[in-house]
C-alpha cells in the first residue's frame, strides 16, 4: 500500500513538512502537493522548503509520486531516477525538475 502525505506549500511556513520524518521509506511514498496557488507558491519557495521536498530521505526512497490535479506532462527525466511526476503546467514541471536535479547533483 502506498503511503500518502499531503503538504500544503506556501512561502510563510513549513506547514506539514515535519510529517516527512514519519514516513516508512522502505515503502512507496505518494507526495500530494495541495495548493490552490501552487505556481505562486513554488516561485516563493526558499532553500529550506526545497531541502525538505527533495531531502536525502526522499531521494533514497525513489518512489515519490509528485501529484497535482489534471496531470498530463512528459516526465521521462524523473522516471530515470524512479520518480513519477505529474503537474499541470509544463514550465512549472521543468522548474521542479531543475530543482530536484540540483539536489540530486545532476548536471544539465
N, C-alpha and C. Protein backbone atom coordinates (compact mmCIF):
# COMPACT_ATOMS: atom_id res chain seq x y z
N UNK A 1 0.84 -1.20 0.00
CA UNK A 1 0.00 0.00 0.00
C UNK A 1 0.88 1.25 0.00
N UNK A 2 0.54 2.19 -0.87
CA UNK A 2 1.33 3.42 -0.97
C UNK A 2 0.95 4.36 0.17
N UNK A 3 1.96 4.86 0.86
CA UNK A 3 1.72 5.87 1.89
C UNK A 3 1.43 7.19 1.20
N UNK A 4 0.63 7.99 1.83
CA UNK A 4 0.28 9.28 1.24
C UNK A 4 0.57 10.37 2.25
N UNK A 5 1.21 11.42 1.79
CA UNK A 5 1.42 12.57 2.66
C UNK A 5 0.98 13.82 1.92
N UNK A 6 0.17 14.63 2.58
CA UNK A 6 -0.33 15.85 1.97
C UNK A 6 0.44 17.03 2.55
N UNK A 7 0.97 17.84 1.67
CA UNK A 7 1.72 19.02 2.11
C UNK A 7 1.14 20.23 1.42
N UNK A 8 0.73 21.19 2.20
CA UNK A 8 0.34 22.46 1.60
C UNK A 8 1.55 23.36 1.65
N UNK A 9 1.97 23.83 0.49
CA UNK A 9 3.17 24.66 0.41
C UNK A 9 2.77 26.11 0.35
N UNK A 10 3.40 26.93 1.14
CA UNK A 10 3.33 28.37 0.92
C UNK A 10 4.62 28.99 1.42
N UNK A 11 4.81 30.26 1.15
CA UNK A 11 6.11 30.86 1.45
C UNK A 11 6.15 31.44 2.86
N UNK A 12 5.08 31.27 3.64
CA UNK A 12 5.07 31.78 5.01
C UNK A 12 5.59 30.74 6.00
N UNK A 13 5.31 29.46 5.73
CA UNK A 13 5.51 28.44 6.75
C UNK A 13 5.90 27.10 6.15
N UNK A 14 6.47 26.26 6.96
CA UNK A 14 6.80 24.90 6.52
C UNK A 14 5.61 23.97 6.62
N UNK A 15 4.54 24.42 7.27
CA UNK A 15 3.32 23.62 7.39
C UNK A 15 3.60 22.20 7.86
N UNK A 16 3.29 21.21 7.02
CA UNK A 16 3.37 19.81 7.45
C UNK A 16 4.69 19.12 7.12
N UNK A 17 5.74 19.89 6.87
CA UNK A 17 6.98 19.25 6.43
C UNK A 17 7.58 18.33 7.49
N UNK A 18 7.25 18.57 8.76
CA UNK A 18 7.75 17.68 9.82
C UNK A 18 7.18 16.27 9.66
N UNK A 19 6.04 16.14 8.97
CA UNK A 19 5.43 14.83 8.74
C UNK A 19 6.33 13.93 7.88
N UNK A 20 7.23 14.54 7.12
CA UNK A 20 8.09 13.75 6.24
C UNK A 20 8.90 12.73 7.02
N UNK A 21 9.30 13.09 8.23
CA UNK A 21 10.15 12.21 9.03
C UNK A 21 9.43 10.97 9.52
N UNK A 22 8.09 10.97 9.46
CA UNK A 22 7.32 9.84 9.97
C UNK A 22 7.12 8.74 8.94
N UNK A 23 7.53 8.98 7.69
CA UNK A 23 7.28 8.00 6.64
C UNK A 23 8.20 6.80 6.75
N UNK A 24 7.67 5.64 6.38
CA UNK A 24 8.47 4.43 6.25
C UNK A 24 9.01 4.40 4.82
N UNK A 25 10.29 4.73 4.67
CA UNK A 25 10.86 4.91 3.33
C UNK A 25 11.20 3.60 2.63
N UNK A 26 10.90 2.47 3.29
CA UNK A 26 11.06 1.20 2.59
C UNK A 26 9.84 0.91 1.71
N UNK A 27 8.80 1.74 1.84
CA UNK A 27 7.59 1.59 1.04
C UNK A 27 7.43 2.80 0.13
N UNK A 28 6.67 2.64 -0.96
CA UNK A 28 6.45 3.78 -1.85
C UNK A 28 5.77 4.94 -1.14
N UNK A 29 6.11 6.13 -1.55
CA UNK A 29 5.56 7.34 -0.95
C UNK A 29 4.85 8.15 -2.03
N UNK A 30 3.67 8.60 -1.72
CA UNK A 30 2.95 9.50 -2.61
C UNK A 30 2.92 10.86 -1.94
N UNK A 31 3.57 11.82 -2.55
CA UNK A 31 3.59 13.18 -2.02
C UNK A 31 2.55 13.99 -2.76
N UNK A 32 1.54 14.45 -2.05
CA UNK A 32 0.47 15.22 -2.67
C UNK A 32 0.67 16.67 -2.30
N UNK A 33 0.95 17.47 -3.31
CA UNK A 33 1.13 18.90 -3.06
C UNK A 33 -0.22 19.58 -3.18
N UNK A 34 -0.70 20.10 -2.09
CA UNK A 34 -2.02 20.72 -2.05
C UNK A 34 -1.86 22.22 -2.01
N UNK A 35 -2.25 22.88 -3.05
CA UNK A 35 -2.16 24.33 -3.04
C UNK A 35 -2.98 24.89 -4.18
N UNK A 36 -3.88 25.80 -3.87
CA UNK A 36 -4.70 26.41 -4.92
C UNK A 36 -3.87 27.37 -5.77
N UNK A 37 -2.77 27.83 -5.22
CA UNK A 37 -1.93 28.78 -5.95
C UNK A 37 -0.51 28.23 -6.02
N UNK A 38 -0.41 27.00 -6.53
CA UNK A 38 0.87 26.30 -6.44
C UNK A 38 1.97 26.99 -7.25
N UNK A 39 1.61 27.61 -8.36
CA UNK A 39 2.64 28.28 -9.17
C UNK A 39 3.24 29.43 -8.39
N UNK A 40 2.39 30.26 -7.80
CA UNK A 40 2.87 31.38 -6.99
C UNK A 40 3.71 30.89 -5.82
N UNK A 41 3.26 29.81 -5.20
CA UNK A 41 3.98 29.29 -4.04
C UNK A 41 5.35 28.76 -4.42
N UNK A 42 5.42 28.02 -5.52
CA UNK A 42 6.72 27.47 -5.92
C UNK A 42 7.72 28.57 -6.24
N UNK A 43 7.23 29.66 -6.80
CA UNK A 43 8.13 30.77 -7.10
C UNK A 43 8.70 31.39 -5.83
N UNK A 44 7.97 31.22 -4.71
CA UNK A 44 8.40 31.83 -3.45
C UNK A 44 9.06 30.84 -2.49
N UNK A 45 9.28 29.61 -2.93
CA UNK A 45 9.93 28.64 -2.05
C UNK A 45 11.33 29.09 -1.69
N UNK A 46 11.70 28.84 -0.45
CA UNK A 46 13.08 29.15 -0.07
C UNK A 46 13.90 27.87 0.02
N UNK A 47 15.17 28.00 0.31
CA UNK A 47 16.07 26.84 0.28
C UNK A 47 15.64 25.75 1.25
N UNK A 48 15.13 26.13 2.42
CA UNK A 48 14.76 25.10 3.39
C UNK A 48 13.53 24.32 2.94
N UNK A 49 12.61 24.97 2.24
CA UNK A 49 11.48 24.23 1.67
C UNK A 49 12.00 23.19 0.68
N UNK A 50 12.92 23.61 -0.17
CA UNK A 50 13.44 22.71 -1.20
C UNK A 50 14.20 21.55 -0.57
N UNK A 51 14.96 21.83 0.48
CA UNK A 51 15.68 20.77 1.19
C UNK A 51 14.69 19.72 1.67
N UNK A 52 13.57 20.18 2.21
CA UNK A 52 12.58 19.26 2.75
C UNK A 52 11.91 18.45 1.65
N UNK A 53 11.58 19.12 0.55
CA UNK A 53 10.85 18.44 -0.52
C UNK A 53 11.72 17.44 -1.27
N UNK A 54 13.01 17.73 -1.39
CA UNK A 54 13.89 16.83 -2.14
C UNK A 54 15.00 16.32 -1.21
N UNK A 55 14.61 16.02 0.01
CA UNK A 55 15.60 15.61 1.01
C UNK A 55 16.25 14.29 0.65
N UNK A 56 17.37 14.01 1.29
CA UNK A 56 18.09 12.76 1.03
C UNK A 56 17.21 11.54 1.30
N UNK A 57 16.32 11.64 2.27
CA UNK A 57 15.42 10.53 2.55
C UNK A 57 14.53 10.22 1.36
N UNK A 58 13.97 11.28 0.77
CA UNK A 58 13.11 11.07 -0.39
C UNK A 58 13.91 10.55 -1.58
N UNK A 59 15.11 11.10 -1.76
CA UNK A 59 15.94 10.66 -2.88
C UNK A 59 16.26 9.18 -2.73
N UNK A 60 16.53 8.74 -1.50
CA UNK A 60 16.80 7.32 -1.26
C UNK A 60 15.57 6.47 -1.57
N UNK A 61 14.41 6.97 -1.22
CA UNK A 61 13.18 6.20 -1.43
C UNK A 61 12.92 5.99 -2.93
N UNK A 62 13.16 7.03 -3.72
CA UNK A 62 13.00 6.97 -5.17
C UNK A 62 11.66 6.39 -5.60
N UNK A 63 10.64 6.62 -4.83
CA UNK A 63 9.32 6.10 -5.17
C UNK A 63 8.28 7.20 -4.96
N UNK A 64 8.68 8.42 -5.21
CA UNK A 64 7.79 9.54 -4.93
C UNK A 64 6.87 9.77 -6.11
N UNK A 65 5.62 9.95 -5.82
CA UNK A 65 4.69 10.43 -6.83
C UNK A 65 4.38 11.87 -6.50
N UNK A 66 4.88 12.78 -7.31
CA UNK A 66 4.54 14.17 -7.12
C UNK A 66 3.24 14.39 -7.88
N UNK A 67 2.19 14.69 -7.17
CA UNK A 67 0.87 14.68 -7.78
C UNK A 67 0.19 16.03 -7.67
N UNK A 68 -0.34 16.50 -8.76
CA UNK A 68 -1.15 17.71 -8.78
C UNK A 68 -2.30 17.44 -9.74
N UNK A 69 -3.45 18.07 -9.49
CA UNK A 69 -4.63 17.85 -10.31
C UNK A 69 -4.34 17.94 -11.81
N UNK A 70 -5.08 17.18 -12.61
CA UNK A 70 -5.04 17.22 -14.08
C UNK A 70 -3.63 17.00 -14.63
N UNK A 71 -3.13 15.83 -14.39
CA UNK A 71 -1.76 15.52 -14.76
C UNK A 71 -1.67 15.11 -16.22
N UNK A 72 -0.74 15.70 -16.95
CA UNK A 72 -0.59 15.28 -18.36
C UNK A 72 0.71 15.75 -19.01
N UNK A 73 1.84 15.66 -18.31
CA UNK A 73 3.08 16.12 -18.93
C UNK A 73 4.08 14.98 -19.10
N UNK A 74 5.08 15.23 -19.90
CA UNK A 74 6.17 14.28 -20.10
C UNK A 74 7.07 14.29 -18.85
N UNK A 75 7.31 13.14 -18.27
CA UNK A 75 8.13 13.09 -17.06
C UNK A 75 9.23 12.05 -17.15
N UNK A 76 9.76 11.84 -18.37
CA UNK A 76 10.82 10.84 -18.58
C UNK A 76 12.09 11.12 -17.79
N UNK A 77 12.41 12.40 -17.64
CA UNK A 77 13.65 12.74 -16.94
C UNK A 77 13.63 12.24 -15.50
N UNK A 78 12.50 12.44 -14.82
CA UNK A 78 12.43 11.97 -13.44
C UNK A 78 12.27 10.46 -13.36
N UNK A 79 11.67 9.86 -14.39
CA UNK A 79 11.48 8.41 -14.37
C UNK A 79 12.81 7.67 -14.25
N UNK A 80 13.87 8.22 -14.83
CA UNK A 80 15.16 7.54 -14.75
C UNK A 80 15.67 7.46 -13.32
N UNK A 81 15.15 8.30 -12.43
CA UNK A 81 15.52 8.22 -11.01
C UNK A 81 14.49 7.44 -10.21
N UNK A 82 13.49 6.86 -10.88
CA UNK A 82 12.46 6.13 -10.17
C UNK A 82 11.33 7.02 -9.69
N UNK A 83 11.35 8.28 -10.09
CA UNK A 83 10.26 9.19 -9.73
C UNK A 83 9.17 9.12 -10.78
N UNK A 84 7.93 9.38 -10.36
CA UNK A 84 6.88 9.69 -11.32
C UNK A 84 6.42 11.09 -10.99
N UNK A 85 6.15 11.83 -11.99
CA UNK A 85 6.00 13.28 -11.81
C UNK A 85 4.79 13.77 -12.59
N UNK A 86 3.84 14.34 -11.91
CA UNK A 86 2.63 14.83 -12.57
C UNK A 86 2.32 16.25 -12.11
N UNK A 87 2.35 17.18 -13.03
CA UNK A 87 1.99 18.56 -12.72
C UNK A 87 1.23 19.14 -13.90
N UNK A 88 0.53 20.24 -13.66
CA UNK A 88 -0.36 20.76 -14.69
C UNK A 88 0.33 21.59 -15.76
N UNK A 89 1.33 22.38 -15.39
CA UNK A 89 1.92 23.32 -16.34
C UNK A 89 3.32 22.88 -16.73
N UNK A 90 3.62 22.76 -18.02
CA UNK A 90 4.95 22.32 -18.43
C UNK A 90 6.09 23.16 -17.85
N UNK A 91 5.94 24.48 -17.83
CA UNK A 91 7.04 25.30 -17.32
C UNK A 91 7.24 25.08 -15.83
N UNK A 92 6.16 24.81 -15.13
CA UNK A 92 6.26 24.52 -13.70
C UNK A 92 6.95 23.18 -13.48
N UNK A 93 6.58 22.20 -14.28
CA UNK A 93 7.22 20.89 -14.19
C UNK A 93 8.72 21.01 -14.44
N UNK A 94 9.08 21.77 -15.47
CA UNK A 94 10.50 21.94 -15.78
C UNK A 94 11.24 22.60 -14.63
N UNK A 95 10.59 23.57 -14.01
CA UNK A 95 11.17 24.26 -12.86
C UNK A 95 11.45 23.25 -11.74
N UNK A 96 10.48 22.39 -11.48
CA UNK A 96 10.61 21.42 -10.40
C UNK A 96 11.68 20.38 -10.74
N UNK A 97 11.74 19.96 -12.00
CA UNK A 97 12.77 19.02 -12.43
C UNK A 97 14.16 19.61 -12.20
N UNK A 98 14.32 20.88 -12.54
CA UNK A 98 15.61 21.53 -12.33
C UNK A 98 15.99 21.54 -10.85
N UNK A 99 15.01 21.83 -9.99
CA UNK A 99 15.29 21.88 -8.55
C UNK A 99 15.67 20.50 -8.02
N UNK A 100 14.94 19.48 -8.45
CA UNK A 100 15.25 18.13 -7.98
C UNK A 100 16.62 17.70 -8.50
N UNK A 101 16.90 18.01 -9.75
CA UNK A 101 18.21 17.69 -10.31
C UNK A 101 19.33 18.37 -9.52
N UNK A 102 19.09 19.60 -9.11
CA UNK A 102 20.08 20.34 -8.32
C UNK A 102 20.42 19.57 -7.05
N UNK A 103 19.40 19.05 -6.38
CA UNK A 103 19.64 18.34 -5.13
C UNK A 103 20.13 16.92 -5.33
N UNK A 104 19.89 16.37 -6.52
CA UNK A 104 20.44 15.05 -6.84
C UNK A 104 21.86 15.17 -7.39
N UNK A 105 22.28 16.40 -7.68
CA UNK A 105 23.62 16.63 -8.22
C UNK A 105 23.74 16.27 -9.69
N UNK A 106 22.63 16.36 -10.42
CA UNK A 106 22.64 16.03 -11.85
C UNK A 106 23.05 17.26 -12.64
N UNK A 107 23.96 17.06 -13.60
CA UNK A 107 24.38 18.18 -14.44
C UNK A 107 23.57 18.20 -15.72
N UNK A 108 23.20 19.41 -16.14
CA UNK A 108 22.37 19.56 -17.35
C UNK A 108 23.15 19.14 -18.58
